[in-house]
C-alpha atoms as a PDB file:
ATOM      1  CA  UNK A   1     205.740 347.622 177.762  1.00  0.00           C
ATOM      2  CA  UNK A   2     208.826 349.661 176.603  1.00  0.00           C
ATOM      3  CA  UNK A   3     208.769 352.237 180.024  1.00  0.00           C
ATOM      4  CA  UNK A   4     210.303 355.419 180.481  1.00  0.00           C
ATOM      5  CA  UNK A   5     212.413 355.471 183.890  1.00  0.00           C
ATOM      6  CA  UNK A   6     211.177 357.795 186.448  1.00  0.00           C
ATOM      7  CA  UNK A   7     212.669 360.427 187.777  1.00  0.00           C
ATOM      8  CA  UNK A   8     214.018 360.747 191.398  1.00  0.00           C
ATOM      9  CA  UNK A   9     215.493 363.931 193.291  1.00  0.00           C
ATOM     10  CA  UNK A  10     219.343 363.533 194.704  1.00  0.00           C
ATOM     11  CA  UNK A  11     219.042 363.032 198.288  1.00  0.00           C
ATOM     12  CA  UNK A  12     218.509 365.795 200.535  1.00  0.00           C
ATOM     13  CA  UNK A  13     216.815 368.071 197.722  1.00  0.00           C
ATOM     14  CA  UNK A  14     213.250 368.408 197.784  1.00  0.00           C
ATOM     15  CA  UNK A  15     211.180 369.731 195.043  1.00  0.00           C
ATOM     16  CA  UNK A  16     207.862 371.896 195.787  1.00  0.00           C
ATOM     17  CA  UNK A  17     204.624 370.849 194.698  1.00  0.00           C
ATOM     18  CA  UNK A  18     204.163 371.020 190.978  1.00  0.00           C
ATOM     19  CA  UNK A  19     201.824 370.113 187.933  1.00  0.00           C
ATOM     20  CA  UNK A  20     201.385 367.471 186.145  1.00  0.00           C
ATOM     21  CA  UNK A  21     199.282 365.238 183.986  1.00  0.00           C
ATOM     22  CA  UNK A  22     198.751 361.158 184.614  1.00  0.00           C
ATOM     23  CA  UNK A  23     199.485 358.972 181.627  1.00  0.00           C
ATOM     24  CA  UNK A  24     199.042 355.176 182.989  1.00  0.00           C
ATOM     25  CA  UNK A  25     197.078 353.967 186.005  1.00  0.00           C
ATOM     26  CA  UNK A  26     198.354 350.681 187.335  1.00  0.00           C
ATOM     27  CA  UNK A  27     196.574 349.580 190.594  1.00  0.00           C
ATOM     28  CA  UNK A  28     197.300 352.140 193.504  1.00  0.00           C
ATOM     29  CA  UNK A  29     200.159 353.812 191.540  1.00  0.00           C
ATOM     30  CA  UNK A  30     200.107 356.837 188.754  1.00  0.00           C
ATOM     31  CA  UNK A  31     202.966 357.714 186.064  1.00  0.00           C
ATOM     32  CA  UNK A  32     202.466 361.476 186.184  1.00  0.00           C
ATOM     33  CA  UNK A  33     204.476 363.483 183.606  1.00  0.00           C
ATOM     34  CA  UNK A  34     205.301 366.771 185.017  1.00  0.00           C
ATOM     35  CA  UNK A  35     205.328 370.486 182.848  1.00  0.00           C
ATOM     36  CA  UNK A  36     208.631 369.592 181.753  1.00  0.00           C
ATOM     37  CA  UNK A  37     208.584 366.159 180.444  1.00  0.00           C
ATOM     38  CA  UNK A  38     209.999 363.959 183.252  1.00  0.00           C
ATOM     39  CA  UNK A  39     208.209 360.919 184.492  1.00  0.00           C
ATOM     40  CA  UNK A  40     207.045 360.259 188.123  1.00  0.00           C
ATOM     41  CA  UNK A  41     205.326 357.122 189.637  1.00  0.00           C
ATOM     42  CA  UNK A  42     203.074 358.485 192.364  1.00  0.00           C
ATOM     43  CA  UNK A  43     200.252 357.618 194.858  1.00  0.00           C
ATOM     44  CA  UNK A  44     197.477 359.553 195.969  1.00  0.00           C
ATOM     45  CA  UNK A  45     195.134 360.833 199.103  1.00  0.00           C
ATOM     46  CA  UNK A  46     192.277 362.491 199.286  1.00  0.00           C
ATOM     47  CA  UNK A  47     190.755 363.745 196.061  1.00  0.00           C
ATOM     48  CA  UNK A  48     193.600 362.820 194.436  1.00  0.00           C
ATOM     49  CA  UNK A  49     192.453 358.903 194.451  1.00  0.00           C
ATOM     50  CA  UNK A  50     190.072 359.779 191.787  1.00  0.00           C
ATOM     51  CA  UNK A  51     192.756 361.176 189.238  1.00  0.00           C
ATOM     52  CA  UNK A  52     192.531 359.194 186.104  1.00  0.00           C
ATOM     53  CA  UNK A  53     194.530 358.893 182.688  1.00  0.00           C
ATOM     54  CA  UNK A  54     194.282 362.473 180.996  1.00  0.00           C
ATOM     55  CA  UNK A  55     193.442 364.307 184.451  1.00  0.00           C
ATOM     56  CA  UNK A  56     195.882 367.646 185.400  1.00  0.00           C
ATOM     57  CA  UNK A  57     196.928 366.965 188.752  1.00  0.00           C
ATOM     58  CA  UNK A  58     198.937 368.685 191.639  1.00  0.00           C
ATOM     59  CA  UNK A  59     201.478 366.560 193.228  1.00  0.00           C
ATOM     60  CA  UNK A  60     204.278 366.365 195.501  1.00  0.00           C
ATOM     61  CA  UNK A  61     207.173 364.589 193.721  1.00  0.00           C
ATOM     62  CA  UNK A  62     209.275 363.975 196.915  1.00  0.00           C
ATOM     63  CA  UNK A  63     206.903 362.287 199.168  1.00  0.00           C
ATOM     64  CA  UNK A  64     208.533 359.029 199.172  1.00  0.00           C
ATOM     65  CA  UNK A  65     206.007 356.752 199.926  1.00  0.00           C
ATOM     66  CA  UNK A  66     206.358 352.930 200.210  1.00  0.00           C
ATOM     67  CA  UNK A  67     205.127 352.310 196.672  1.00  0.00           C
ATOM     68  CA  UNK A  68     205.941 355.543 194.555  1.00  0.00           C
ATOM     69  CA  UNK A  69     208.688 358.491 195.217  1.00  0.00           C
ATOM     70  CA  UNK A  70     205.200 361.175 194.653  1.00  0.00           C
ATOM     71  CA  UNK A  71     202.131 361.654 195.874  1.00  0.00           C
ATOM     72  CA  UNK A  72     198.922 363.561 193.995  1.00  0.00           C
ATOM     73  CA  UNK A  73     197.014 366.042 196.432  1.00  0.00           C
ATOM     74  CA  UNK A  74     194.413 367.212 193.743  1.00  0.00           C
ATOM     75  CA  UNK A  75     193.048 366.776 190.358  1.00  0.00           C
ATOM     76  CA  UNK A  76     192.239 369.579 187.812  1.00  0.00           C
ATOM     77  CA  UNK A  77     189.018 370.200 186.502  1.00  0.00           C
ATOM     78  CA  UNK A  78     187.790 368.603 183.737  1.00  0.00           C
ATOM     79  CA  UNK A  79     186.903 369.234 180.271  1.00  0.00           C
ATOM     80  CA  UNK A  80     185.486 366.031 179.721  1.00  0.00           C
ATOM     81  CA  UNK A  81     185.345 362.463 180.559  1.00  0.00           C
ATOM     82  CA  UNK A  82     184.463 359.382 179.243  1.00  0.00           C
ATOM     83  CA  UNK A  83     182.473 357.378 181.925  1.00  0.00           C
ATOM     84  CA  UNK A  84     180.012 354.421 182.442  1.00  0.00           C
ATOM     85  CA  UNK A  85     178.691 352.380 185.007  1.00  0.00           C
ATOM     86  CA  UNK A  86     181.043 350.130 187.117  1.00  0.00           C
ATOM     87  CA  UNK A  87     179.895 346.222 187.201  1.00  0.00           C
ATOM     88  CA  UNK A  88     177.388 346.441 189.752  1.00  0.00           C
ATOM     89  CA  UNK A  89     175.833 349.752 188.094  1.00  0.00           C
ATOM     90  CA  UNK A  90     175.910 351.544 191.454  1.00  0.00           C
ATOM     91  CA  UNK A  91     179.342 353.948 190.622  1.00  0.00           C
ATOM     92  CA  UNK A  92     180.611 356.169 188.106  1.00  0.00           C
ATOM     93  CA  UNK A  93     183.529 354.790 186.596  1.00  0.00           C
ATOM     94  CA  UNK A  94     185.629 356.891 184.568  1.00  0.00           C
ATOM     95  CA  UNK A  95     188.122 355.278 181.895  1.00  0.00           C
ATOM     96  CA  UNK A  96     189.491 358.675 181.282  1.00  0.00           C
ATOM     97  CA  UNK A  97     189.645 362.971 180.975  1.00  0.00           C
ATOM     98  CA  UNK A  98     190.195 365.538 179.042  1.00  0.00           C
ATOM     99  CA  UNK A  99     189.577 363.935 175.658  1.00  0.00           C
ATOM    100  CA  UNK A 100     188.781 365.141 172.445  1.00  0.00           C
ATOM    101  CA  UNK A 101     187.737 362.487 170.357  1.00  0.00           C
ATOM    102  CA  UNK A 102     186.342 358.729 170.965  1.00  0.00           C
ATOM    103  CA  UNK A 103     187.461 356.018 168.478  1.00  0.00           C
ATOM    104  CA  UNK A 104     185.197 353.181 168.578  1.00  0.00           C
ATOM    105  CA  UNK A 105     187.244 350.413 167.202  1.00  0.00           C
ATOM    106  CA  UNK A 106     185.205 347.538 165.837  1.00  0.00           C
ATOM    107  CA  UNK A 107     186.504 344.271 163.931  1.00  0.00           C
ATOM    108  CA  UNK A 108     184.782 340.983 161.810  1.00  0.00           C
ATOM    109  CA  UNK A 109     185.934 339.119 164.824  1.00  0.00           C
ATOM    110  CA  UNK A 110     184.765 339.558 167.598  1.00  0.00           C
ATOM    111  CA  UNK A 111     181.430 340.071 165.483  1.00  0.00           C
ATOM    112  CA  UNK A 112     180.457 343.606 165.152  1.00  0.00           C
ATOM    113  CA  UNK A 113     177.540 344.795 168.062  1.00  0.00           C
ATOM    114  CA  UNK A 114     176.215 347.535 166.870  1.00  0.00           C
ATOM    115  CA  UNK A 115     174.675 348.518 170.138  1.00  0.00           C
ATOM    116  CA  UNK A 116     177.791 348.476 171.577  1.00  0.00           C
ATOM    117  CA  UNK A 117     178.791 351.329 169.335  1.00  0.00           C
ATOM    118  CA  UNK A 118     175.886 353.268 169.767  1.00  0.00           C
ATOM    119  CA  UNK A 119     176.615 353.098 173.652  1.00  0.00           C
ATOM    120  CA  UNK A 120     179.704 354.602 173.288  1.00  0.00           C
ATOM    121  CA  UNK A 121     178.676 357.283 171.134  1.00  0.00           C
ATOM    122  CA  UNK A 122     175.935 358.286 173.504  1.00  0.00           C
ATOM    123  CA  UNK A 123     178.203 358.520 176.323  1.00  0.00           C
ATOM    124  CA  UNK A 124     180.819 360.357 173.974  1.00  0.00           C
ATOM    125  CA  UNK A 125     177.620 362.752 172.818  1.00  0.00           C
ATOM    126  CA  UNK A 126     176.494 363.293 176.688  1.00  0.00           C
ATOM    127  CA  UNK A 127     179.886 364.798 177.329  1.00  0.00           C
ATOM    128  CA  UNK A 128     180.604 366.812 174.384  1.00  0.00           C
ATOM    129  CA  UNK A 129     183.212 364.257 173.121  1.00  0.00           C
ATOM    130  CA  UNK A 130     184.020 364.121 169.022  1.00  0.00           C
ATOM    131  CA  UNK A 131     183.755 360.618 168.327  1.00  0.00           C
ATOM    132  CA  UNK A 132     184.505 357.987 165.248  1.00  0.00           C
ATOM    133  CA  UNK A 133     184.446 354.695 164.768  1.00  0.00           C
ATOM    134  CA  UNK A 134     187.119 352.964 163.185  1.00  0.00           C
ATOM    135  CA  UNK A 135     186.479 349.164 161.599  1.00  0.00           C
ATOM    136  CA  UNK A 136     189.888 347.291 161.888  1.00  0.00           C
ATOM    137  CA  UNK A 137     191.323 344.188 160.682  1.00  0.00           C
ATOM    138  CA  UNK A 138     190.437 344.854 157.158  1.00  0.00           C
ATOM    139  CA  UNK A 139     192.730 342.123 156.082  1.00  0.00           C
ATOM    140  CA  UNK A 140     191.034 339.347 157.224  1.00  0.00           C
ATOM    141  CA  UNK A 141     187.844 340.748 155.490  1.00  0.00           C
ATOM    142  CA  UNK A 142     186.050 338.869 152.686  1.00  0.00           C
ATOM    143  CA  UNK A 143     184.859 340.489 149.849  1.00  0.00           C
ATOM    144  CA  UNK A 144     181.072 339.724 150.589  1.00  0.00           C
ATOM    145  CA  UNK A 145     181.861 340.003 153.997  1.00  0.00           C
ATOM    146  CA  UNK A 146     183.380 343.706 154.014  1.00  0.00           C
ATOM    147  CA  UNK A 147     180.714 344.837 151.837  1.00  0.00           C
ATOM    148  CA  UNK A 148     177.828 344.147 154.251  1.00  0.00           C
ATOM    149  CA  UNK A 149     180.269 345.379 157.115  1.00  0.00           C
ATOM    150  CA  UNK A 150     180.289 348.840 155.225  1.00  0.00           C
ATOM    151  CA  UNK A 151     176.452 348.979 154.495  1.00  0.00           C
ATOM    152  CA  UNK A 152     175.886 348.308 158.586  1.00  0.00           C
ATOM    153  CA  UNK A 153     178.369 350.934 159.011  1.00  0.00           C
ATOM    154  CA  UNK A 154     177.400 353.634 156.555  1.00  0.00           C
ATOM    155  CA  UNK A 155     174.897 355.103 159.178  1.00  0.00           C
ATOM    156  CA  UNK A 156     177.426 356.617 160.884  1.00  0.00           C
ATOM    157  CA  UNK A 157     178.674 359.149 158.906  1.00  0.00           C
ATOM    158  CA  UNK A 158     175.567 361.068 157.874  1.00  0.00           C
ATOM    159  CA  UNK A 159     175.388 361.130 161.518  1.00  0.00           C
ATOM    160  CA  UNK A 160     178.622 363.326 162.416  1.00  0.00           C
ATOM    161  CA  UNK A 161     180.325 360.000 163.441  1.00  0.00           C
ATOM    162  CA  UNK A 162     182.796 359.508 160.517  1.00  0.00           C
ATOM    163  CA  UNK A 163     184.377 355.931 159.687  1.00  0.00           C
ATOM    164  CA  UNK A 164     187.297 355.040 158.929  1.00  0.00           C
ATOM    165  CA  UNK A 165     188.707 351.533 157.934  1.00  0.00           C
ATOM    166  CA  UNK A 166     192.155 350.166 158.655  1.00  0.00           C
ATOM    167  CA  UNK A 167     194.529 346.806 158.812  1.00  0.00           C
ATOM    168  CA  UNK A 168     197.337 347.141 161.523  1.00  0.00           C
ATOM    169  CA  UNK A 169     198.730 343.859 159.885  1.00  0.00           C
ATOM    170  CA  UNK A 170     198.970 345.383 156.103  1.00  0.00           C
ATOM    171  CA  UNK A 171     198.992 349.501 156.926  1.00  0.00           C
ATOM    172  CA  UNK A 172     195.496 350.153 154.935  1.00  0.00           C
ATOM    173  CA  UNK A 173     193.866 353.350 156.294  1.00  0.00           C
ATOM    174  CA  UNK A 174     196.718 354.061 158.506  1.00  0.00           C
ATOM    175  CA  UNK A 175     197.198 357.488 157.234  1.00  0.00           C
ATOM    176  CA  UNK A 176     193.911 358.737 157.524  1.00  0.00           C
ATOM    177  CA  UNK A 177     193.785 357.651 161.184  1.00  0.00           C
ATOM    178  CA  UNK A 178     197.311 359.032 161.782  1.00  0.00           C
ATOM    179  CA  UNK A 179     195.284 362.299 160.386  1.00  0.00           C
ATOM    180  CA  UNK A 180     192.365 361.817 162.665  1.00  0.00           C
ATOM    181  CA  UNK A 181     194.614 361.730 165.530  1.00  0.00           C
ATOM    182  CA  UNK A 182     197.031 364.276 165.411  1.00  0.00           C
ATOM    183  CA  UNK A 183     197.048 367.631 167.331  1.00  0.00           C
ATOM    184  CA  UNK A 184     194.482 366.424 169.748  1.00  0.00           C
ATOM    185  CA  UNK A 185     193.849 363.874 172.694  1.00  0.00           C
ATOM    186  CA  UNK A 186     192.010 360.389 171.590  1.00  0.00           C
ATOM    187  CA  UNK A 187     191.173 357.463 173.156  1.00  0.00           C
ATOM    188  CA  UNK A 188     190.435 354.292 171.397  1.00  0.00           C
ATOM    189  CA  UNK A 189     187.713 352.007 172.908  1.00  0.00           C
ATOM    190  CA  UNK A 190     185.435 348.820 172.416  1.00  0.00           C
ATOM    191  CA  UNK A 191     185.145 345.384 171.712  1.00  0.00           C
ATOM    192  CA  UNK A 192     188.247 342.940 173.671  1.00  0.00           C
ATOM    193  CA  UNK A 193     190.303 341.322 170.311  1.00  0.00           C
ATOM    194  CA  UNK A 194     189.408 344.161 168.119  1.00  0.00           C
ATOM    195  CA  UNK A 195     193.446 345.326 167.766  1.00  0.00           C
ATOM    196  CA  UNK A 196     193.077 348.735 169.408  1.00  0.00           C
ATOM    197  CA  UNK A 197     196.723 348.092 170.749  1.00  0.00           C
ATOM    198  CA  UNK A 198     197.717 346.576 167.374  1.00  0.00           C
ATOM    199  CA  UNK A 199     196.525 349.826 165.873  1.00  0.00           C
ATOM    200  CA  UNK A 200     198.472 352.022 168.250  1.00  0.00           C
ATOM    201  CA  UNK A 201     201.807 349.791 167.774  1.00  0.00           C
ATOM    202  CA  UNK A 202     201.131 350.387 163.710  1.00  0.00           C
ATOM    203  CA  UNK A 203     200.871 354.398 164.149  1.00  0.00           C
ATOM    204  CA  UNK A 204     203.995 354.197 166.471  1.00  0.00           C
ATOM    205  CA  UNK A 205     206.446 350.829 165.993  1.00  0.00           C
ATOM    206  CA  UNK A 206     208.422 352.105 168.536  1.00  0.00           C
ATOM    207  CA  UNK A 207     205.998 351.257 171.675  1.00  0.00           C
ATOM    208  CA  UNK A 208     207.008 347.341 171.244  1.00  0.00           C
ATOM    209  CA  UNK A 209     203.472 347.046 173.305  1.00  0.00           C
ATOM    210  CA  UNK A 210     202.459 343.243 173.564  1.00  0.00           C
ATOM    211  CA  UNK A 211     199.792 342.139 171.371  1.00  0.00           C
ATOM    212  CA  UNK A 212     197.691 338.936 171.752  1.00  0.00           C
ATOM    213  CA  UNK A 213     195.885 337.036 169.258  1.00  0.00           C
ATOM    214  CA  UNK A 214     192.220 335.815 169.331  1.00  0.00           C
ATOM    215  CA  UNK A 215     191.376 333.134 171.542  1.00  0.00           C
ATOM    216  CA  UNK A 216     189.676 331.103 169.079  1.00  0.00           C
ATOM    217  CA  UNK A 217     188.577 328.177 171.832  1.00  0.00           C
ATOM    218  CA  UNK A 218     186.034 331.139 173.287  1.00  0.00           C
ATOM    219  CA  UNK A 219     186.083 333.111 169.885  1.00  0.00           C
ATOM    220  CA  UNK A 220     186.907 335.860 172.267  1.00  0.00           C
ATOM    221  CA  UNK A 221     189.711 338.734 172.335  1.00  0.00           C
ATOM    222  CA  UNK A 222     192.251 338.633 175.109  1.00  0.00           C
ATOM    223  CA  UNK A 223     192.523 341.331 177.648  1.00  0.00           C
ATOM    224  CA  UNK A 224     195.624 342.372 176.052  1.00  0.00           C
ATOM    225  CA  UNK A 225     195.292 346.014 177.697  1.00  0.00           C
ATOM    226  CA  UNK A 226     194.791 345.787 181.403  1.00  0.00           C
ATOM    227  CA  UNK A 227     195.282 349.463 182.175  1.00  0.00           C
ATOM    228  CA  UNK A 228     194.336 353.053 180.202  1.00  0.00           C
ATOM    229  CA  UNK A 229     197.707 354.425 179.324  1.00  0.00           C
ATOM    230  CA  UNK A 230     198.659 357.447 177.064  1.00  0.00           C
ATOM    231  CA  UNK A 231     201.026 357.704 174.282  1.00  0.00           C
ATOM    232  CA  UNK A 232     201.859 360.634 172.328  1.00  0.00           C
ATOM    233  CA  UNK A 233     202.271 359.925 168.664  1.00  0.00           C
ATOM    234  CA  UNK A 234     205.545 360.674 166.442  1.00  0.00           C
ATOM    235  CA  UNK A 235     202.867 363.085 164.078  1.00  0.00           C
ATOM    236  CA  UNK A 236     201.322 364.638 167.020  1.00  0.00           C
ATOM    237  CA  UNK A 237     198.473 363.928 169.152  1.00  0.00           C
ATOM    238  CA  UNK A 238     197.905 361.553 171.735  1.00  0.00           C
ATOM    239  CA  UNK A 239     196.312 358.281 172.325  1.00  0.00           C
ATOM    240  CA  UNK A 240     194.840 356.654 175.421  1.00  0.00           C
ATOM    241  CA  UNK A 241     194.712 352.908 174.706  1.00  0.00           C
ATOM    242  CA  UNK A 242     191.917 351.181 177.119  1.00  0.00           C
ATOM    243  CA  UNK A 243     191.151 347.822 178.262  1.00  0.00           C
ATOM    244  CA  UNK A 244     188.930 345.609 176.080  1.00  0.00           C
ATOM    245  CA  UNK A 245     185.129 345.478 177.630  1.00  0.00           C
ATOM    246  CA  UNK A 246     182.508 343.073 177.215  1.00  0.00           C
ATOM    247  CA  UNK A 247     179.815 345.648 177.266  1.00  0.00           C
ATOM    248  CA  UNK A 248     179.555 349.224 178.378  1.00  0.00           C
ATOM    249  CA  UNK A 249     176.726 350.365 180.945  1.00  0.00           C
ATOM    250  CA  UNK A 250     175.984 354.223 180.520  1.00  0.00           C
ATOM    251  CA  UNK A 251     176.440 356.689 183.301  1.00  0.00           C
ATOM    252  CA  UNK A 252     174.758 359.773 184.326  1.00  0.00           C
ATOM    253  CA  UNK A 253     171.476 359.644 181.429  1.00  0.00           C
ATOM    254  CA  UNK A 254     168.459 358.638 182.785  1.00  0.00           C
ATOM    255  CA  UNK A 255     165.916 357.056 180.577  1.00  0.00           C
ATOM    256  CA  UNK A 256     164.361 360.014 179.548  1.00  0.00           C
ATOM    257  CA  UNK A 257     167.405 361.979 178.760  1.00  0.00           C
ATOM    258  CA  UNK A 258     168.597 359.078 176.284  1.00  0.00           C
ATOM    259  CA  UNK A 259     167.003 360.721 173.174  1.00  0.00           C
ATOM    260  CA  UNK A 260     168.782 363.900 173.121  1.00  0.00           C
ATOM    261  CA  UNK A 261     171.864 361.789 172.677  1.00  0.00           C
ATOM    262  CA  UNK A 262     170.587 360.304 169.184  1.00  0.00           C
ATOM    263  CA  UNK A 263     171.391 363.215 166.730  1.00  0.00           C
ATOM    264  CA  UNK A 264     169.084 362.039 164.080  1.00  0.00           C
ATOM    265  CA  UNK A 265     166.019 362.235 166.744  1.00  0.00           C
ATOM    266  CA  UNK A 266     167.352 365.409 167.961  1.00  0.00           C
ATOM    267  CA  UNK A 267     166.880 366.778 164.096  1.00  0.00           C
ATOM    268  CA  UNK A 268     163.656 365.202 163.542  1.00  0.00           C
ATOM    269  CA  UNK A 269     161.843 366.165 167.192  1.00  0.00           C
ATOM    270  CA  UNK A 270     160.702 369.699 166.497  1.00  0.00           C
ATOM    271  CA  UNK A 271     158.211 367.763 164.176  1.00  0.00           C
ATOM    272  CA  UNK A 272     156.491 365.345 166.816  1.00  0.00           C
ATOM    273  CA  UNK A 273     153.238 366.659 167.908  1.00  0.00           C
ATOM    274  CA  UNK A 274     154.179 366.605 171.677  1.00  0.00           C
ATOM    275  CA  UNK A 275     157.467 368.459 172.819  1.00  0.00           C
ATOM    276  CA  UNK A 276     157.993 365.422 175.314  1.00  0.00           C
ATOM    277  CA  UNK A 277     157.847 362.616 172.656  1.00  0.00           C
ATOM    278  CA  UNK A 278     159.819 359.676 173.687  1.00  0.00           C
ATOM    279  CA  UNK A 279     159.456 358.222 170.049  1.00  0.00           C
ATOM    280  CA  UNK A 280     157.933 354.898 171.197  1.00  0.00           C
ATOM    281  CA  UNK A 281     154.424 354.869 170.513  1.00  0.00           C
ATOM    282  CA  UNK A 282     153.373 358.229 170.522  1.00  0.00           C
ATOM    283  CA  UNK A 283     151.122 359.690 167.701  1.00  0.00           C
ATOM    284  CA  UNK A 284     152.393 362.117 165.093  1.00  0.00           C
ATOM    285  CA  UNK A 285     156.048 361.056 166.233  1.00  0.00           C
ATOM    286  CA  UNK A 286     158.403 362.623 163.660  1.00  0.00           C
ATOM    287  CA  UNK A 287     160.820 359.956 164.447  1.00  0.00           C
ATOM    288  CA  UNK A 288     158.728 357.416 164.120  1.00  0.00           C
ATOM    289  CA  UNK A 289     157.731 358.491 160.682  1.00  0.00           C
ATOM    290  CA  UNK A 290     161.175 358.984 159.591  1.00  0.00           C
ATOM    291  CA  UNK A 291     162.117 355.294 160.814  1.00  0.00           C
ATOM    292  CA  UNK A 292     158.828 354.055 158.605  1.00  0.00           C
ATOM    293  CA  UNK A 293     160.404 355.884 155.969  1.00  0.00           C
ATOM    294  CA  UNK A 294     163.700 354.282 156.134  1.00  0.00           C
ATOM    295  CA  UNK A 295     165.523 357.916 156.784  1.00  0.00           C
ATOM    296  CA  UNK A 296     166.259 356.456 160.707  1.00  0.00           C
ATOM    297  CA  UNK A 297     168.166 353.111 160.777  1.00  0.00           C
ATOM    298  CA  UNK A 298     166.449 350.321 162.176  1.00  0.00           C
ATOM    299  CA  UNK A 299     169.453 348.888 164.162  1.00  0.00           C
ATOM    300  CA  UNK A 300     170.035 352.484 165.599  1.00  0.00           C
ATOM    301  CA  UNK A 301     166.470 352.671 166.746  1.00  0.00           C
ATOM    302  CA  UNK A 302     167.019 349.353 168.323  1.00  0.00           C
ATOM    303  CA  UNK A 303     169.379 350.539 170.244  1.00  0.00           C
ATOM    304  CA  UNK A 304     167.457 352.956 171.393  1.00  0.00           C
ATOM    305  CA  UNK A 305     164.881 350.921 172.569  1.00  0.00           C
ATOM    306  CA  UNK A 306     167.591 348.645 174.092  1.00  0.00           C
ATOM    307  CA  UNK A 307     168.931 351.355 176.409  1.00  0.00           C
ATOM    308  CA  UNK A 308     165.729 352.657 177.287  1.00  0.00           C
ATOM    309  CA  UNK A 309     164.581 349.498 178.454  1.00  0.00           C
ATOM    310  CA  UNK A 310     168.174 348.508 180.296  1.00  0.00           C
ATOM    311  CA  UNK A 311     167.838 352.409 182.344  1.00  0.00           C
ATOM    312  CA  UNK A 312     164.039 351.734 182.982  1.00  0.00           C
ATOM    313  CA  UNK A 313     164.795 347.998 184.842  1.00  0.00           C
ATOM    314  CA  UNK A 314     168.179 349.160 186.499  1.00  0.00           C
ATOM    315  CA  UNK A 315     169.627 346.364 184.333  1.00  0.00           C
ATOM    316  CA  UNK A 316     172.199 346.863 181.967  1.00  0.00           C
ATOM    317  CA  UNK A 317     172.985 344.170 179.557  1.00  0.00           C
ATOM    318  CA  UNK A 318     174.317 346.091 176.821  1.00  0.00           C
ATOM    319  CA  UNK A 319     174.648 343.388 173.994  1.00  0.00           C
ATOM    320  CA  UNK A 320     171.288 341.951 174.237  1.00  0.00           C
END
């Protein structure tokens, strides 16, 4: 990756604490962009340790610790955050902060997992973050395969989740993606190997990010990106490239709250007999009636039931 050099003060010249934004984190070291556009590597103390990419922070640029010249001392209030449960399901893991839109990227390989897409959409909805789905690697899809995938993804636009089709390899769909990322802070998320970093390179070839091919031995994607990093795009807007995942465990949503993050359920809930209808087996449930009539996608309802089951058991298996 092409990295910009961090700025240090001349010897004997101390600068006061100042404000900036975290643009990269690698282990204990944060790269902070100050309000003048300079980049300074920092470590953190106290509440500063909770900083993530996208956070506004207060930092001392001349703390001169052993690992970095700067020190983050405070984190500003977040207007949004994309959060998941950690591997043990015991703590919140904030992936990025102050995001305007989540782009859930999927591809032919590794196979699309609708349950994983739906979990990201629930997490985004819970934070009031707009979301889109990106089907990447158009160049690898056979015609009949592509038709099946487009039918699968057609459930999302009517719910307010646009679907973009792209190929980082031949450039198809990139103009639409550039327009969708303009003038906002976005994050690319999704399964390992779907080409998030390749898309970022295609949007800005100057980044020179390393891109790994799929591991054909396992059929799983390599973790090209191991840390989240924010990049400014030439046409305006910023994109956070996040590490690929195997699954996505929800955090901060209880089992009875899940239904409020499926827009098609919310739209019909007023027609249910019971105000607290869970849309599982209750009589005169408008959601179940819409499901029977084909007005709610079976894949979405299946995701809903699986999310409920995982939250009830406190054992999260996003892709089962």
